[in-house]
Amino acid sequence: MTDRIDAETRYNLLRAFRILFSPQGESTLDQVLSLDLVSLRNAFRRKALATHPDRASHLGQDRDILTERFKEITDSFETLYSFVEQHADQPGPAQPGYPGQSERRNTPREKRTEGVPPDRELMLGQYLYYTGRISYRTLLDAVYWQRNQRARYGSIARNWKIISSKDILSIMKLRKGKEKFGECAMRLGFIDSYQHNAIIKNQMCSQRPIGEYFVLHNIISSRDLETVLHGLNIHNHLVRMRRGSCGRQ
């Protein structure tokens, strides 16, 4: 598992873990992998309570310093929460200490006929899987890698001054189960649908093409990627044509 996490992601995870949990000595990726959502939320609440700017006078500390510290803690929580939540959703056998183990569920997937893609439009990763070029495990790793390139929803909203760090704390506390941050923010009235769509669009624009993952990890070459993309375009075009002809009958 750990060898699938790139150096930048590893650095961000370890930094976030140190900030949120303040462990003695060096933090390790195994510590991050052992996290679950409940302990992560509890740690965030403890740290937030000790650094919230509104408690500056009570704590006898400078409000500006606490504001920066609170933002740092919030960003660290978002980084770890996103990692743990995404891995908890991935199918596969449970492993001791694996994040979100109690929340794991097996995700049903369409049966694959080796080398024959299903008669529907596909995305690149799906096309590679159904044509037998990659395993389902590799597909999941690529999807996680791509999602990790996105800017955090809460960070975007805060940078755009739609919500504050205090609002982020409130949203985190009031999330229901696996409700997404943006969905909860809209339900609570912090963000409207127009702002939500703009943030999602910004997130999508900030992530890198999934094809880069396969090239970076030497799964396929750049030249092969061009050939695959051409085949994918032909497949999707034929699917759309068949749909069109069926609609005219």
Protein backbone atom coordinates (compact mmCIF):
# COMPACT_ATOMS: atom_id res chain seq x y z
CA MET A 1 0.00 0.00 0.00
CA THR A 2 2.65 2.54 1.07
CA ASP A 3 4.65 2.12 -2.14
CA ARG A 4 1.65 3.43 -4.12
CA ILE A 5 1.73 6.82 -2.37
CA ASP A 6 3.89 9.38 -4.17
CA ALA A 7 6.49 11.47 -2.36
CA GLU A 8 4.49 14.72 -2.32
CA THR A 9 1.37 13.05 -0.93
CA ARG A 10 3.48 11.21 1.65
CA TYR A 11 5.06 14.50 2.80
CA ASN A 12 1.67 16.24 3.09
CA LEU A 13 0.16 13.35 5.04
CA LEU A 14 3.04 13.12 7.52
CA ARG A 15 3.09 16.90 8.01
CA ALA A 16 -0.67 16.95 8.62
CA PHE A 17 -0.36 14.06 11.09
CA ARG A 18 2.36 15.84 13.07
CA ILE A 19 0.34 19.07 13.22
CA LEU A 20 -2.89 17.41 14.30
CA PHE A 21 -1.58 14.77 16.67
CA SER A 22 1.76 16.30 17.78
CA PRO A 23 3.35 12.87 18.23
CA GLN A 24 6.63 12.46 20.07
CA GLY A 25 9.47 11.62 17.69
CA GLU A 26 9.12 10.90 13.97
CA SER A 27 5.70 10.24 12.48
CA THR A 28 5.36 7.36 10.02
CA LEU A 29 3.00 6.46 7.22
CA ASP A 30 1.87 3.43 9.23
CA GLN A 31 0.49 5.84 11.83
CA VAL A 32 -1.48 7.63 9.12
CA LEU A 33 -2.77 4.32 7.73
CA SER A 34 -3.96 3.28 11.19
CA LEU A 35 -6.25 6.31 11.49
CA ASP A 36 -10.02 6.01 11.47
CA LEU A 37 -12.56 8.78 10.95
CA VAL A 38 -13.75 8.86 14.55
CA SER A 39 -10.31 9.33 16.11
CA LEU A 40 -9.47 11.89 13.42
CA ARG A 41 -12.57 13.97 14.19
CA ASN A 42 -11.87 13.78 17.93
CA ALA A 43 -8.28 14.95 17.49
CA PHE A 44 -9.43 17.84 15.31
CA ARG A 45 -12.01 18.97 17.86
CA ARG A 46 -9.42 18.94 20.66
CA LYS A 47 -6.94 20.94 18.62
CA ALA A 48 -9.62 23.33 17.34
CA LEU A 49 -10.81 24.04 20.86
CA ALA A 50 -7.25 24.84 21.94
CA THR A 51 -6.52 27.17 19.00
CA HIS A 52 -9.82 28.79 18.00
CA PRO A 53 -9.34 32.57 17.50
CA ASP A 54 -12.57 33.34 19.38
CA ARG A 55 -10.92 31.97 22.53
CA ALA A 56 -7.85 34.23 22.26
CA SER A 57 -8.65 36.32 25.32
CA HIS A 58 -9.57 33.25 27.37
CA LEU A 59 -6.34 31.51 26.36
CA GLY A 60 -4.25 34.66 26.81
CA GLN A 61 -2.81 34.43 23.30
CA ASP A 62 -2.62 36.71 20.27
CA ARG A 63 -5.69 36.34 18.03
CA ASP A 64 -3.71 36.61 14.77
CA ILE A 65 -1.35 33.84 15.85
CA LEU A 66 -4.26 31.61 16.81
CA THR A 67 -5.97 32.35 13.48
CA GLU A 68 -2.95 31.11 11.53
CA ARG A 69 -2.62 28.10 13.81
CA PHE A 70 -6.31 27.26 13.43
CA LYS A 71 -6.08 27.47 9.63
CA GLU A 72 -3.09 25.13 9.69
CA ILE A 73 -4.97 22.62 11.85
CA THR A 74 -8.06 22.82 9.63
CA ASP A 75 -5.99 22.22 6.47
CA SER A 76 -4.27 19.26 8.15
CA PHE A 77 -7.62 17.77 9.10
CA GLU A 78 -8.94 18.14 5.55
CA THR A 79 -5.83 16.43 4.15
CA LEU A 80 -6.05 13.45 6.50
CA TYR A 81 -9.85 13.18 6.37
CA SER A 82 -9.87 13.06 2.57
CA PHE A 83 -7.18 10.36 2.55
CA VAL A 84 -8.84 8.18 5.20
CA GLU A 85 -12.33 8.61 3.73
CA GLN A 86 -11.27 7.69 0.19
CA HIS A 87 -9.35 4.62 1.31
CA ALA A 88 -12.21 3.49 3.52
CA ASP A 89 -14.39 3.41 0.39
CA GLN A 90 -12.05 1.22 -1.60
CA PRO A 91 -12.95 -2.47 -1.93
CA GLY A 92 -10.68 -5.28 -0.92
CA PRO A 93 -9.90 -7.48 2.07
CA ALA A 94 -9.75 -5.75 5.44
CA GLN A 95 -6.29 -5.30 6.86
CA PRO A 96 -5.39 -4.72 10.52
CA GLY A 97 -5.01 -1.03 11.19
CA TYR A 98 -6.23 -0.03 7.74
CA PRO A 99 -8.02 3.36 7.88
CA GLY A 100 -11.77 3.17 8.08
CA GLN A 101 -11.70 -0.61 8.44
CA SER A 102 -15.04 -0.67 10.27
CA GLU A 103 -16.62 1.39 7.49
CA ARG A 104 -15.26 -0.66 4.57
CA ARG A 105 -17.75 -1.90 2.03
CA ASN A 106 -17.30 -4.04 -1.06
CA THR A 107 -18.18 -2.00 -4.12
CA PRO A 108 -19.91 -4.12 -6.80
CA ARG A 109 -18.40 -3.79 -10.24
CA GLU A 110 -19.41 -4.83 -13.69
CA LYS A 111 -18.11 -8.22 -14.80
CA ARG A 112 -15.24 -7.84 -17.22
CA THR A 113 -14.91 -9.82 -20.42
CA GLU A 114 -11.17 -9.73 -21.09
CA GLY A 115 -10.34 -7.29 -23.87
CA VAL A 116 -13.98 -6.39 -24.64
CA PRO A 117 -15.23 -3.03 -23.27
CA PRO A 118 -18.95 -2.81 -22.37
CA ASP A 119 -21.36 -1.14 -24.77
CA ARG A 120 -21.44 2.24 -23.03
CA GLU A 121 -19.32 5.37 -22.94
CA LEU A 122 -16.20 4.98 -20.81
CA MET A 123 -13.57 7.17 -19.21
CA LEU A 124 -9.87 6.49 -19.79
CA GLY A 125 -9.25 4.45 -16.64
CA GLN A 126 -12.34 2.31 -17.26
CA TYR A 127 -11.33 1.72 -20.87
CA LEU A 128 -7.86 0.56 -19.79
CA TYR A 129 -9.42 -1.80 -17.25
CA TYR A 130 -12.02 -3.32 -19.57
CA THR A 131 -9.50 -3.81 -22.38
CA GLY A 132 -7.29 -5.74 -19.95
CA ARG A 133 -4.40 -3.28 -19.77
CA ILE A 134 -4.67 -2.60 -16.02
CA SER A 135 -6.09 -4.35 -12.96
CA TYR A 136 -9.01 -3.06 -10.91
CA ARG A 137 -6.57 -2.31 -8.09
CA THR A 138 -4.51 -0.11 -10.42
CA LEU A 139 -7.68 1.66 -11.56
CA LEU A 140 -8.53 2.50 -7.94
CA ASP A 141 -5.00 3.74 -7.27
CA ALA A 142 -5.16 5.98 -10.34
CA VAL A 143 -8.53 7.44 -9.33
CA TYR A 144 -7.23 8.18 -5.83
CA TRP A 145 -4.07 9.78 -7.26
CA GLN A 146 -6.15 12.02 -9.52
CA ARG A 147 -8.54 13.06 -6.76
CA ASN A 148 -5.59 13.93 -4.55
CA GLN A 149 -4.50 16.57 -7.09
CA ARG A 150 -7.65 18.58 -6.43
CA ALA A 151 -7.58 21.58 -4.13
CA ARG A 152 -9.61 20.99 -0.95
CA TYR A 153 -13.24 22.15 -1.16
CA GLY A 154 -13.05 23.97 2.18
CA SER A 155 -9.76 25.65 1.28
CA ILE A 156 -11.18 26.99 -1.98
CA ALA A 157 -14.30 28.31 -0.27
CA ARG A 158 -12.20 29.97 2.44
CA ASN A 159 -9.74 31.49 -0.04
CA TRP A 160 -12.70 32.91 -1.98
CA LYS A 161 -13.97 34.33 1.35
CA ILE A 162 -17.27 32.46 1.04
CA ILE A 163 -16.78 30.82 4.44
CA SER A 164 -14.39 31.37 7.35
CA SER A 165 -12.24 28.96 9.32
CA LYS A 166 -14.91 29.11 12.03
CA ASP A 167 -17.54 28.06 9.46
CA ILE A 168 -15.38 25.12 8.41
CA LEU A 169 -15.26 23.93 12.02
CA SER A 170 -19.06 24.17 12.29
CA ILE A 171 -19.55 22.24 9.04
CA MET A 172 -17.13 19.51 10.15
CA LYS A 173 -19.02 19.10 13.42
CA LEU A 174 -22.44 18.89 11.75
CA ARG A 175 -21.62 16.51 8.88
CA LYS A 176 -23.85 13.44 8.81
CA GLY A 177 -22.10 10.12 8.29
CA LYS A 178 -20.25 10.21 4.97
CA GLU A 179 -21.95 13.39 3.78
CA LYS A 180 -19.59 15.38 1.59
CA PHE A 181 -18.29 18.70 2.89
CA GLY A 182 -19.92 20.73 0.11
CA GLU A 183 -23.27 18.99 0.48
CA CYS A 184 -23.25 19.68 4.21
CA ALA A 185 -22.25 23.31 3.65
CA MET A 186 -25.22 23.80 1.31
CA ARG A 187 -27.63 22.01 3.65
CA LEU A 188 -26.58 24.32 6.49
CA GLY A 189 -26.86 27.43 4.32
CA PHE A 190 -23.16 28.38 4.30
CA ILE A 191 -22.89 27.97 0.52
CA ASP A 192 -25.50 28.30 -2.25
CA SER A 193 -25.78 26.04 -5.29
CA TYR A 194 -24.09 28.57 -7.60
CA GLN A 195 -21.06 28.83 -5.32
CA HIS A 196 -21.00 25.05 -4.88
CA ASN A 197 -20.91 24.43 -8.62
CA ALA A 198 -18.16 27.04 -9.06
CA ILE A 199 -16.02 25.34 -6.38
CA ILE A 200 -16.56 21.88 -7.90
CA LYS A 201 -15.58 23.24 -11.33
CA ASN A 202 -12.43 24.78 -9.84
CA GLN A 203 -11.59 21.44 -8.21
CA MET A 204 -11.98 19.58 -11.49
CA CYS A 205 -9.80 22.08 -13.32
CA SER A 206 -7.06 21.77 -10.69
CA GLN A 207 -6.65 18.00 -10.96
CA ARG A 208 -4.27 16.46 -13.46
CA PRO A 209 -5.37 14.08 -16.25
CA ILE A 210 -5.58 10.50 -15.04
CA GLY A 211 -3.45 9.41 -17.99
CA GLU A 212 -0.44 11.02 -16.32
CA TYR A 213 -0.65 8.45 -13.52
CA PHE A 214 -0.16 5.54 -15.90
CA VAL A 215 2.77 7.22 -17.64
CA LEU A 216 4.46 8.36 -14.40
CA HIS A 217 4.23 4.84 -12.96
CA ASN A 218 5.51 3.22 -16.18
CA ILE A 219 2.27 1.32 -16.72
CA ILE A 220 2.02 2.57 -20.28
CA SER A 221 4.26 4.83 -22.37
CA SER A 222 3.34 8.26 -23.68
CA ARG A 223 3.07 6.83 -27.18
CA ASP A 224 0.82 4.00 -25.99
CA LEU A 225 -1.34 6.53 -24.18
CA GLU A 226 -2.01 8.35 -27.44
CA THR A 227 -3.03 5.06 -29.07
CA VAL A 228 -5.31 4.20 -26.14
CA LEU A 229 -6.95 7.63 -26.21
CA HIS A 230 -7.59 7.19 -29.94
CA GLY A 231 -9.19 3.81 -29.30
CA LEU A 232 -11.27 5.27 -26.48
CA ASN A 233 -12.54 8.07 -28.71
CA ILE A 234 -13.55 5.55 -31.39
CA HIS A 235 -15.31 3.35 -28.82
CA ASN A 236 -17.31 6.24 -27.34
CA HIS A 237 -18.15 7.59 -30.80
CA LEU A 238 -19.52 4.20 -31.89
CA VAL A 239 -21.57 3.94 -28.68
CA ARG A 240 -23.11 7.36 -29.32
CA MET A 241 -23.86 6.43 -32.93
CA ARG A 242 -25.62 3.21 -31.87
CA ARG A 243 -27.67 5.14 -29.34
CA GLY A 244 -28.62 7.65 -31.99
CA SER A 245 -29.71 4.97 -34.47
CA CYS A 246 -31.78 3.22 -31.76
CA GLY A 247 -33.47 6.50 -30.90
CA ARG A 248 -34.57 7.00 -34.53
CA GLN A 249 -36.19 3.56 -34.85
